[in-house]
Amino acid sequence: AHRMAEIGIGRTFQNLALFPNLSVRDNIMIGGHTRSRGGYVSDALR
């Protein structure tokens, strides 16, 4: 399931699956990160 976004399938849920304590912008950013190609090392080292 966690690799569906990378082939181009996105989804919303009837019961909202948002992070309530994060901002609107950060919630949207999380969606974009599902298609990110950066790895742990490249992200950590910027």
All heavy atoms as atom14 arrays in JSON, in Angstrom:
{
  "sequence": "AHRMAEIGIGRTFQNLALFPNLSVRDNIMIGGHTRSRGGYVSDALR",
  "atom14_mask": [
    [1, 1, 1, 1, 1, 0, 0, 0, 0, 0, 0, 0, 0, 0],
    [1, 1, 1, 1, 1, 1, 1, 1, 1, 1, 0, 0, 0, 0],
    [1, 1, 1, 1, 1, 1, 1, 1, 1, 1, 1, 0, 0, 0],
    [1, 1, 1, 1, 1, 1, 1, 1, 0, 0, 0, 0, 0, 0],
    [1, 1, 1, 1, 1, 0, 0, 0, 0, 0, 0, 0, 0, 0],
    [1, 1, 1, 1, 1, 1, 1, 1, 1, 0, 0, 0, 0, 0],
    [1, 1, 1, 1, 1, 1, 1, 1, 0, 0, 0, 0, 0, 0],
    [1, 1, 1, 1, 0, 0, 0, 0, 0, 0, 0, 0, 0, 0],
    [1, 1, 1, 1, 1, 1, 1, 1, 0, 0, 0, 0, 0, 0],
    [1, 1, 1, 1, 0, 0, 0, 0, 0, 0, 0, 0, 0, 0],
    [1, 1, 1, 1, 1, 1, 1, 1, 1, 1, 1, 0, 0, 0],
    [1, 1, 1, 1, 1, 1, 1, 0, 0, 0, 0, 0, 0, 0],
    [1, 1, 1, 1, 1, 1, 1, 1, 1, 1, 1, 0, 0, 0],
    [1, 1, 1, 1, 1, 1, 1, 1, 1, 0, 0, 0, 0, 0],
    [1, 1, 1, 1, 1, 1, 1, 1, 0, 0, 0, 0, 0, 0],
    [1, 1, 1, 1, 1, 1, 1, 1, 0, 0, 0, 0, 0, 0],
    [1, 1, 1, 1, 1, 0, 0, 0, 0, 0, 0, 0, 0, 0],
    [1, 1, 1, 1, 1, 1, 1, 1, 0, 0, 0, 0, 0, 0],
    [1, 1, 1, 1, 1, 1, 1, 1, 1, 1, 1, 0, 0, 0],
    [1, 1, 1, 1, 1, 1, 1, 0, 0, 0, 0, 0, 0, 0],
    [1, 1, 1, 1, 1, 1, 1, 1, 0, 0, 0, 0, 0, 0],
    [1, 1, 1, 1, 1, 1, 1, 1, 0, 0, 0, 0, 0, 0],
    [1, 1, 1, 1, 1, 1, 0, 0, 0, 0, 0, 0, 0, 0],
    [1, 1, 1, 1, 1, 1, 1, 0, 0, 0, 0, 0, 0, 0],
    [1, 1, 1, 1, 1, 1, 1, 1, 1, 1, 1, 0, 0, 0],
    [1, 1, 1, 1, 1, 1, 1, 1, 0, 0, 0, 0, 0, 0],
    [1, 1, 1, 1, 1, 1, 1, 1, 0, 0, 0, 0, 0, 0],
    [1, 1, 1, 1, 1, 1, 1, 1, 0, 0, 0, 0, 0, 0],
    [1, 1, 1, 1, 1, 1, 1, 1, 0, 0, 0, 0, 0, 0],
    [1, 1, 1, 1, 1, 1, 1, 1, 0, 0, 0, 0, 0, 0],
    [1, 1, 1, 1, 0, 0, 0, 0, 0, 0, 0, 0, 0, 0],
    [1, 1, 1, 1, 0, 0, 0, 0, 0, 0, 0, 0, 0, 0],
    [1, 1, 1, 1, 1, 1, 1, 1, 1, 1, 0, 0, 0, 0],
    [1, 1, 1, 1, 1, 1, 1, 0, 0, 0, 0, 0, 0, 0],
    [1, 1, 1, 1, 1, 1, 1, 1, 1, 1, 1, 0, 0, 0],
    [1, 1, 1, 1, 1, 1, 0, 0, 0, 0, 0, 0, 0, 0],
    [1, 1, 1, 1, 1, 1, 1, 1, 1, 1, 1, 0, 0, 0],
    [1, 1, 1, 1, 0, 0, 0, 0, 0, 0, 0, 0, 0, 0],
    [1, 1, 1, 1, 0, 0, 0, 0, 0, 0, 0, 0, 0, 0],
    [1, 1, 1, 1, 1, 1, 1, 1, 1, 1, 1, 1, 0, 0],
    [1, 1, 1, 1, 1, 1, 1, 0, 0, 0, 0, 0, 0, 0],
    [1, 1, 1, 1, 1, 1, 0, 0, 0, 0, 0, 0, 0, 0],
    [1, 1, 1, 1, 1, 1, 1, 1, 0, 0, 0, 0, 0, 0],
    [1, 1, 1, 1, 1, 0, 0, 0, 0, 0, 0, 0, 0, 0],
    [1, 1, 1, 1, 1, 1, 1, 1, 0, 0, 0, 0, 0, 0],
    [1, 1, 1, 1, 1, 1, 1, 1, 1, 1, 1, 0, 0, 0]
  ],
  "atom14_positions": [
    [[0.82, -1.22, 0.0], [0.0, 0.0, 0.0], [0.85, 1.27, 0.0], [0.51, 2.25, -0.66], [-0.94, -0.01, 1.2], [0.0, 0.0, 0.0], [0.0, 0.0, 0.0], [0.0, 0.0, 0.0], [0.0, 0.0, 0.0], [0.0, 0.0, 0.0], [0.0, 0.0, 0.0], [0.0, 0.0, 0.0], [0.0, 0.0, 0.0], [0.0, 0.0, 0.0]],
    [[1.97, 1.27, 0.73], [2.76, 2.5, 0.85], [3.53, 2.84, -0.42], [4.16, 3.9, -0.5], [3.73, 2.4, 2.04], [4.83, 1.4, 1.86], [4.71, 0.08, 2.21], [6.08, 1.54, 1.35], [5.84, -0.56, 1.94], [6.68, 0.3, 1.42], [0.0, 0.0, 0.0], [0.0, 0.0, 0.0], [0.0, 0.0, 0.0], [0.0, 0.0, 0.0]],
    [[3.46, 1.96, -1.44], [4.15, 2.26, -2.69], [3.17, 2.54, -3.83], [3.57, 2.57, -5.0], [5.08, 1.1, -3.06], [6.23, 0.91, -2.07], [7.27, -0.03, -2.63], [7.84, 0.47, -3.87], [8.54, -0.29, -4.72], [8.73, -1.57, -4.45], [9.03, 0.23, -5.83], [0.0, 0.0, 0.0], [0.0, 0.0, 0.0], [0.0, 0.0, 0.0]],
    [[1.92, 2.79, -3.51], [0.95, 3.1, -4.55], [1.13, 4.53, -5.08], [0.95, 4.78, -6.27], [-0.47, 2.9, -4.04], [-0.78, 1.46, -3.62], [-0.4, 0.26, -4.9], [-1.59, 0.73, -6.13], [0.0, 0.0, 0.0], [0.0, 0.0, 0.0], [0.0, 0.0, 0.0], [0.0, 0.0, 0.0], [0.0, 0.0, 0.0], [0.0, 0.0, 0.0]],
    [[1.46, 5.46, -4.2], [1.59, 6.86, -4.64], [2.68, 7.03, -5.68], [2.54, 7.83, -6.61], [1.87, 7.76, -3.43], [0.0, 0.0, 0.0], [0.0, 0.0, 0.0], [0.0, 0.0, 0.0], [0.0, 0.0, 0.0], [0.0, 0.0, 0.0], [0.0, 0.0, 0.0], [0.0, 0.0, 0.0], [0.0, 0.0, 0.0], [0.0, 0.0, 0.0]],
    [[3.75, 6.26, -5.57], [4.87, 6.46, -6.49], [4.56, 6.02, -7.92], [5.25, 6.44, -8.85], [6.12, 5.74, -5.98], [6.04, 4.24, -5.99], [7.26, 3.59, -5.33], [7.77, 4.14, -4.32], [7.7, 2.56, -5.84], [0.0, 0.0, 0.0], [0.0, 0.0, 0.0], [0.0, 0.0, 0.0], [0.0, 0.0, 0.0], [0.0, 0.0, 0.0]],
    [[3.52, 5.2, -8.11], [3.14, 4.84, -9.47], [2.01, 5.73, -9.98], [1.62, 5.63, -11.15], [2.76, 3.36, -9.62], [1.52, 3.01, -8.79], [3.93, 2.47, -9.25], [0.98, 1.61, -9.07], [0.0, 0.0, 0.0], [0.0, 0.0, 0.0], [0.0, 0.0, 0.0], [0.0, 0.0, 0.0], [0.0, 0.0, 0.0], [0.0, 0.0, 0.0]],
    [[1.48, 6.59, -9.11], [0.5, 7.56, -9.58], [-0.93, 7.32, -9.13], [-1.86, 7.8, -9.77], [0.0, 0.0, 0.0], [0.0, 0.0, 0.0], [0.0, 0.0, 0.0], [0.0, 0.0, 0.0], [0.0, 0.0, 0.0], [0.0, 0.0, 0.0], [0.0, 0.0, 0.0], [0.0, 0.0, 0.0], [0.0, 0.0, 0.0], [0.0, 0.0, 0.0]],
    [[-1.12, 6.6, -8.02], [-2.47, 6.4, -7.48], [-2.57, 7.11, -6.14], [-1.83, 6.8, -5.2], [-2.8, 4.9, -7.31], [-2.77, 4.19, -8.68], [-4.17, 4.72, -6.66], [-3.06, 2.7, -8.61], [0.0, 0.0, 0.0], [0.0, 0.0, 0.0], [0.0, 0.0, 0.0], [0.0, 0.0, 0.0], [0.0, 0.0, 0.0], [0.0, 0.0, 0.0]],
    [[-3.47, 8.09, -6.05], [-3.69, 8.84, -4.82], [-5.08, 8.57, -4.28], [-5.97, 8.13, -5.01], [0.0, 0.0, 0.0], [0.0, 0.0, 0.0], [0.0, 0.0, 0.0], [0.0, 0.0, 0.0], [0.0, 0.0, 0.0], [0.0, 0.0, 0.0], [0.0, 0.0, 0.0], [0.0, 0.0, 0.0], [0.0, 0.0, 0.0], [0.0, 0.0, 0.0]],
    [[-5.28, 8.86, -3.0], [-6.56, 8.53, -2.36], [-6.9, 9.51, -1.26], [-6.03, 9.99, -0.54], [-6.48, 7.11, -1.78], [-7.7, 6.76, -0.97], [-7.73, 5.37, -0.43], [-9.0, 5.18, 0.26], [-9.45, 4.02, 0.7], [-8.74, 2.93, 0.54], [-10.61, 3.94, 1.31], [0.0, 0.0, 0.0], [0.0, 0.0, 0.0], [0.0, 0.0, 0.0]],
    [[-8.2, 9.78, -1.12], [-8.72, 10.42, 0.08], [-9.57, 9.39, 0.83], [-9.9, 8.34, 0.3], [-9.6, 11.65, -0.24], [-10.78, 11.22, -0.93], [-8.85, 12.65, -1.1], [0.0, 0.0, 0.0], [0.0, 0.0, 0.0], [0.0, 0.0, 0.0], [0.0, 0.0, 0.0], [0.0, 0.0, 0.0], [0.0, 0.0, 0.0], [0.0, 0.0, 0.0]],
    [[-9.93, 9.72, 2.07], [-10.65, 8.77, 2.93], [-11.95, 9.39, 3.41], [-12.04, 10.6, 3.63], [-9.79, 8.37, 4.14], [-8.59, 7.57, 3.78], [-7.41, 8.2, 3.38], [-8.61, 6.18, 3.83], [-6.3, 7.44, 3.04], [-7.49, 5.43, 3.49], [-6.33, 6.07, 3.09], [0.0, 0.0, 0.0], [0.0, 0.0, 0.0], [0.0, 0.0, 0.0]],
    [[-12.98, 8.54, 3.58], [-14.25, 9.0, 4.11], [-14.06, 9.58, 5.5], [-14.56, 10.66, 5.82], [-15.26, 7.85, 4.16], [-16.6, 8.25, 4.73], [-17.58, 7.08, 4.8], [-17.3, 6.0, 4.32], [-18.72, 7.31, 5.39], [0.0, 0.0, 0.0], [0.0, 0.0, 0.0], [0.0, 0.0, 0.0], [0.0, 0.0, 0.0], [0.0, 0.0, 0.0]],
    [[-13.34, 8.85, 6.36], [-12.95, 9.37, 7.67], [-11.59, 10.02, 7.52], [-10.61, 9.35, 7.23], [-12.91, 8.23, 8.7], [-14.25, 7.56, 8.87], [-15.27, 8.23, 8.97], [-14.26, 6.24, 8.87], [0.0, 0.0, 0.0], [0.0, 0.0, 0.0], [0.0, 0.0, 0.0], [0.0, 0.0, 0.0], [0.0, 0.0, 0.0], [0.0, 0.0, 0.0]],
    [[-11.56, 11.33, 7.71], [-10.35, 12.09, 7.42], [-9.12, 11.5, 8.1], [-9.14, 11.14, 9.27], [-10.54, 13.54, 7.88], [-11.61, 14.33, 7.13], [-11.82, 15.68, 7.77], [-11.24, 14.49, 5.66], [0.0, 0.0, 0.0], [0.0, 0.0, 0.0], [0.0, 0.0, 0.0], [0.0, 0.0, 0.0], [0.0, 0.0, 0.0], [0.0, 0.0, 0.0]],
    [[-8.03, 11.4, 7.33], [-6.8, 10.81, 7.84], [-5.7, 11.87, 7.9], [-4.57, 11.64, 7.5], [-6.36, 9.64, 6.94], [0.0, 0.0, 0.0], [0.0, 0.0, 0.0], [0.0, 0.0, 0.0], [0.0, 0.0, 0.0], [0.0, 0.0, 0.0], [0.0, 0.0, 0.0], [0.0, 0.0, 0.0], [0.0, 0.0, 0.0], [0.0, 0.0, 0.0]],
    [[-6.06, 13.03, 8.42], [-5.11, 14.14, 8.53], [-4.39, 14.09, 9.88], [-4.79, 13.38, 10.79], [-5.85, 15.47, 8.4], [-6.54, 15.7, 7.05], [-7.46, 16.92, 7.14], [-5.53, 15.88, 5.93], [0.0, 0.0, 0.0], [0.0, 0.0, 0.0], [0.0, 0.0, 0.0], [0.0, 0.0, 0.0], [0.0, 0.0, 0.0], [0.0, 0.0, 0.0]],
    [[-3.31, 14.88, 9.98], [-2.58, 15.03, 11.24], [-3.11, 16.3, 11.91], [-2.73, 17.41, 11.51], [-1.09, 15.11, 10.99], [-0.51, 13.84, 10.42], [-0.41, 13.66, 9.05], [-0.07, 12.82, 11.26], [0.11, 12.49, 8.52], [0.46, 11.64, 10.74], [0.54, 11.48, 9.37], [0.0, 0.0, 0.0], [0.0, 0.0, 0.0], [0.0, 0.0, 0.0]],
    [[-3.98, 16.17, 12.91], [-4.72, 17.34, 13.4], [-3.87, 18.42, 14.02], [-4.24, 19.6, 13.99], [-5.68, 16.73, 14.44], [-5.08, 15.4, 14.81], [-4.38, 14.92, 13.59], [0.0, 0.0, 0.0], [0.0, 0.0, 0.0], [0.0, 0.0, 0.0], [0.0, 0.0, 0.0], [0.0, 0.0, 0.0], [0.0, 0.0, 0.0], [0.0, 0.0, 0.0]],
    [[-2.72, 18.06, 14.58], [-1.9, 19.06, 15.25], [-0.89, 19.73, 14.32], [-0.21, 20.67, 14.73], [-1.16, 18.44, 16.44], [-2.12, 17.98, 17.52], [-3.14, 18.62, 17.77], [-1.83, 16.84, 18.14], [0.0, 0.0, 0.0], [0.0, 0.0, 0.0], [0.0, 0.0, 0.0], [0.0, 0.0, 0.0], [0.0, 0.0, 0.0], [0.0, 0.0, 0.0]],
    [[-0.81, 19.26, 13.09], [0.07, 19.89, 12.11], [-0.7, 20.94, 11.32], [-1.92, 20.9, 11.23], [0.66, 18.86, 11.16], [1.59, 17.8, 11.75], [2.12, 16.89, 10.64], [2.75, 18.46, 12.5], [0.0, 0.0, 0.0], [0.0, 0.0, 0.0], [0.0, 0.0, 0.0], [0.0, 0.0, 0.0], [0.0, 0.0, 0.0], [0.0, 0.0, 0.0]],
    [[0.03, 21.88, 10.75], [-0.61, 22.92, 9.96], [-1.17, 22.36, 8.66], [-0.81, 21.26, 8.22], [0.39, 24.04, 9.65], [1.36, 23.57, 8.72], [0.0, 0.0, 0.0], [0.0, 0.0, 0.0], [0.0, 0.0, 0.0], [0.0, 0.0, 0.0], [0.0, 0.0, 0.0], [0.0, 0.0, 0.0], [0.0, 0.0, 0.0], [0.0, 0.0, 0.0]],
    [[-2.02, 23.15, 8.04], [-2.54, 22.78, 6.72], [-1.39, 22.57, 5.74], [-1.35, 21.56, 5.01], [-3.48, 23.9, 6.22], [-3.78, 23.73, 4.73], [-4.76, 23.91, 7.03], [0.0, 0.0, 0.0], [0.0, 0.0, 0.0], [0.0, 0.0, 0.0], [0.0, 0.0, 0.0], [0.0, 0.0, 0.0], [0.0, 0.0, 0.0], [0.0, 0.0, 0.0]],
    [[-0.43, 23.49, 5.72], [0.7, 23.37, 4.8], [1.49, 22.1, 5.05], [1.85, 21.38, 4.1], [1.62, 24.59, 4.94], [2.83, 24.55, 4.0], [3.72, 25.77, 4.15], [3.1, 26.96, 3.59], [2.57, 27.94, 4.3], [2.57, 27.87, 5.63], [2.04, 28.99, 3.72], [0.0, 0.0, 0.0], [0.0, 0.0, 0.0], [0.0, 0.0, 0.0]],
    [[1.76, 21.77, 6.3], [2.55, 20.58, 6.61], [1.79, 19.3, 6.22], [2.4, 18.32, 5.76], [2.92, 20.55, 8.09], [4.02, 21.54, 8.43], [4.68, 22.03, 7.5], [4.2, 21.84, 9.63], [0.0, 0.0, 0.0], [0.0, 0.0, 0.0], [0.0, 0.0, 0.0], [0.0, 0.0, 0.0], [0.0, 0.0, 0.0], [0.0, 0.0, 0.0]],
    [[0.48, 19.29, 6.42], [-0.3, 18.13, 6.01], [-0.2, 17.9, 4.5], [-0.06, 16.76, 4.04], [-1.77, 18.29, 6.4], [-2.09, 17.7, 7.76], [-2.3, 16.5, 7.9], [-2.1, 18.55, 8.78], [0.0, 0.0, 0.0], [0.0, 0.0, 0.0], [0.0, 0.0, 0.0], [0.0, 0.0, 0.0], [0.0, 0.0, 0.0], [0.0, 0.0, 0.0]],
    [[-0.25, 18.99, 3.74], [-0.15, 18.87, 2.28], [1.26, 18.44, 1.89], [1.45, 17.62, 0.98], [-0.54, 20.18, 1.6], [-1.97, 20.57, 1.99], [-0.43, 20.07, 0.09], [-2.38, 21.97, 1.55], [0.0, 0.0, 0.0], [0.0, 0.0, 0.0], [0.0, 0.0, 0.0], [0.0, 0.0, 0.0], [0.0, 0.0, 0.0], [0.0, 0.0, 0.0]],
    [[2.27, 18.97, 2.59], [3.66, 18.58, 2.31], [3.86, 17.08, 2.49], [4.57, 16.43, 1.7], [4.61, 19.32, 3.26], [4.77, 20.8, 2.97], [5.83, 21.18, 1.55], [7.46, 20.8, 2.22], [0.0, 0.0, 0.0], [0.0, 0.0, 0.0], [0.0, 0.0, 0.0], [0.0, 0.0, 0.0], [0.0, 0.0, 0.0], [0.0, 0.0, 0.0]],
    [[3.23, 16.51, 3.49], [3.36, 15.07, 3.74], [2.87, 14.28, 2.53], [3.47, 13.27, 2.14], [2.59, 14.68, 5.01], [3.33, 15.2, 6.24], [2.41, 13.17, 5.11], [2.56, 15.09, 7.53], [0.0, 0.0, 0.0], [0.0, 0.0, 0.0], [0.0, 0.0, 0.0], [0.0, 0.0, 0.0], [0.0, 0.0, 0.0], [0.0, 0.0, 0.0]],
    [[1.79, 14.74, 1.9], [1.31, 14.08, 0.7], [2.34, 14.09, -0.41], [2.54, 13.1, -1.11], [0.0, 0.0, 0.0], [0.0, 0.0, 0.0], [0.0, 0.0, 0.0], [0.0, 0.0, 0.0], [0.0, 0.0, 0.0], [0.0, 0.0, 0.0], [0.0, 0.0, 0.0], [0.0, 0.0, 0.0], [0.0, 0.0, 0.0], [0.0, 0.0, 0.0]],
    [[3.03, 15.21, -0.56], [4.06, 15.31, -1.6], [5.26, 14.43, -1.33], [5.91, 13.94, -2.26], [0.0, 0.0, 0.0], [0.0, 0.0, 0.0], [0.0, 0.0, 0.0], [0.0, 0.0, 0.0], [0.0, 0.0, 0.0], [0.0, 0.0, 0.0], [0.0, 0.0, 0.0], [0.0, 0.0, 0.0], [0.0, 0.0, 0.0], [0.0, 0.0, 0.0]],
    [[5.56, 14.2, -0.07], [6.72, 13.37, 0.28], [6.53, 11.91, -0.11], [7.51, 11.16, -0.19], [7.03, 13.48, 1.78], [7.82, 14.7, 2.15], [9.11, 14.91, 1.69], [7.5, 15.77, 2.92], [9.55, 16.07, 2.17], [8.6, 16.61, 2.91], [0.0, 0.0, 0.0], [0.0, 0.0, 0.0], [0.0, 0.0, 0.0], [0.0, 0.0, 0.0]],
    [[5.3, 11.49, -0.36], [5.1, 10.1, -0.78], [5.67, 9.85, -2.17], [5.88, 8.7, -2.55], [3.59, 9.75, -0.79], [2.91, 10.59, -1.72], [2.99, 9.89, 0.59], [0.0, 0.0, 0.0], [0.0, 0.0, 0.0], [0.0, 0.0, 0.0], [0.0, 0.0, 0.0], [0.0, 0.0, 0.0], [0.0, 0.0, 0.0], [0.0, 0.0, 0.0]],
    [[5.91, 10.93, -2.93], [6.53, 10.78, -4.26], [7.99, 11.2, -4.26], [8.62, 11.26, -5.3], [5.77, 11.62, -5.28], [4.4, 11.13, -5.63], [4.42, 9.82, -6.39], [5.03, 9.93, -7.7], [4.37, 10.22, -8.82], [3.07, 10.44, -8.77], [4.98, 10.28, -9.98], [0.0, 0.0, 0.0], [0.0, 0.0, 0.0], [0.0, 0.0, 0.0]],
    [[8.53, 11.55, -3.09], [9.91, 12.03, -3.01], [10.9, 10.94, -3.37], [10.75, 9.78, -2.99], [10.21, 12.54, -1.59], [11.57, 12.88, -1.46], [0.0, 0.0, 0.0], [0.0, 0.0, 0.0], [0.0, 0.0, 0.0], [0.0, 0.0, 0.0], [0.0, 0.0, 0.0], [0.0, 0.0, 0.0], [0.0, 0.0, 0.0], [0.0, 0.0, 0.0]],
    [[11.94, 11.3, -4.12], [12.96, 10.34, -4.51], [14.21, 10.43, -3.64], [15.15, 9.69, -3.81], [13.35, 10.59, -5.97], [12.22, 10.23, -6.93], [12.6, 10.5, -8.35], [11.5, 10.15, -9.25], [11.31, 10.69, -10.45], [12.13, 11.62, -10.88], [10.3, 10.31, -11.21], [0.0, 0.0, 0.0], [0.0, 0.0, 0.0], [0.0, 0.0, 0.0]],
    [[14.2, 11.38, -2.73], [15.35, 11.52, -1.87], [15.45, 10.38, -0.86], [14.45, 9.89, -0.36], [0.0, 0.0, 0.0], [0.0, 0.0, 0.0], [0.0, 0.0, 0.0], [0.0, 0.0, 0.0], [0.0, 0.0, 0.0], [0.0, 0.0, 0.0], [0.0, 0.0, 0.0], [0.0, 0.0, 0.0], [0.0, 0.0, 0.0], [0.0, 0.0, 0.0]],
    [[16.65, 9.94, -0.57], [16.84, 8.89, 0.41], [17.18, 9.47, 1.77], [17.33, 10.68, 1.94], [0.0, 0.0, 0.0], [0.0, 0.0, 0.0], [0.0, 0.0, 0.0], [0.0, 0.0, 0.0], [0.0, 0.0, 0.0], [0.0, 0.0, 0.0], [0.0, 0.0, 0.0], [0.0, 0.0, 0.0], [0.0, 0.0, 0.0], [0.0, 0.0, 0.0]],
    [[17.32, 8.59, 2.76], [17.59, 9.05, 4.12], [18.9, 9.83, 4.19], [18.98, 10.89, 4.8], [17.64, 7.84, 5.06], [18.06, 8.19, 6.46], [17.16, 8.77, 7.34], [19.38, 7.98, 6.89], [17.54, 9.11, 8.63], [19.77, 8.33, 8.16], [18.85, 8.89, 9.03], [19.24, 9.23, 10.3], [0.0, 0.0, 0.0], [0.0, 0.0, 0.0]],
    [[19.95, 9.32, 3.53], [21.27, 9.96, 3.61], [21.23, 11.33, 2.96], [21.7, 12.33, 3.53], [22.34, 9.07, 2.96], [23.67, 9.81, 2.92], [22.49, 7.77, 3.73], [0.0, 0.0, 0.0], [0.0, 0.0, 0.0], [0.0, 0.0, 0.0], [0.0, 0.0, 0.0], [0.0, 0.0, 0.0], [0.0, 0.0, 0.0], [0.0, 0.0, 0.0]],
    [[20.64, 11.42, 1.74], [20.62, 12.71, 1.05], [19.79, 13.72, 1.81], [20.13, 14.91, 1.87], [20.09, 12.54, -0.37], [18.76, 12.06, -0.36], [0.0, 0.0, 0.0], [0.0, 0.0, 0.0], [0.0, 0.0, 0.0], [0.0, 0.0, 0.0], [0.0, 0.0, 0.0], [0.0, 0.0, 0.0], [0.0, 0.0, 0.0], [0.0, 0.0, 0.0]],
    [[18.68, 13.27, 2.42], [17.85, 14.19, 3.2], [18.57, 14.65, 4.46], [18.54, 15.82, 4.82], [16.53, 13.5, 3.59], [15.6, 13.32, 2.39], [15.87, 13.95, 1.35], [14.64, 12.55, 2.52], [0.0, 0.0, 0.0], [0.0, 0.0, 0.0], [0.0, 0.0, 0.0], [0.0, 0.0, 0.0], [0.0, 0.0, 0.0], [0.0, 0.0, 0.0]],
    [[19.24, 13.71, 5.15], [19.92, 14.04, 6.39], [21.08, 15.01, 6.15], [21.32, 15.91, 6.96], [20.42, 12.77, 7.07], [0.0, 0.0, 0.0], [0.0, 0.0, 0.0], [0.0, 0.0, 0.0], [0.0, 0.0, 0.0], [0.0, 0.0, 0.0], [0.0, 0.0, 0.0], [0.0, 0.0, 0.0], [0.0, 0.0, 0.0], [0.0, 0.0, 0.0]],
    [[21.79, 14.83, 5.05], [22.95, 15.67, 4.74], [22.59, 16.91, 3.95], [23.47, 17.73, 3.66], [23.99, 14.85, 3.97], [24.58, 13.64, 4.71], [25.56, 12.9, 3.82], [25.27, 14.09, 6.01], [0.0, 0.0, 0.0], [0.0, 0.0, 0.0], [0.0, 0.0, 0.0], [0.0, 0.0, 0.0], [0.0, 0.0, 0.0], [0.0, 0.0, 0.0]],
    [[21.3, 17.03, 3.61], [20.84, 18.18, 2.81], [21.64, 18.3, 1.53], [22.12, 19.39, 1.16], [20.93, 19.47, 3.64], [20.15, 19.45, 4.94], [18.66, 19.45, 4.69], [18.22, 20.71, 4.09], [17.09, 20.86, 3.43], [16.3, 19.82, 3.24], [16.76, 22.02, 2.92], [0.0, 0.0, 0.0], [0.0, 0.0, 0.0], [0.0, 0.0, 0.0]]
  ]
}
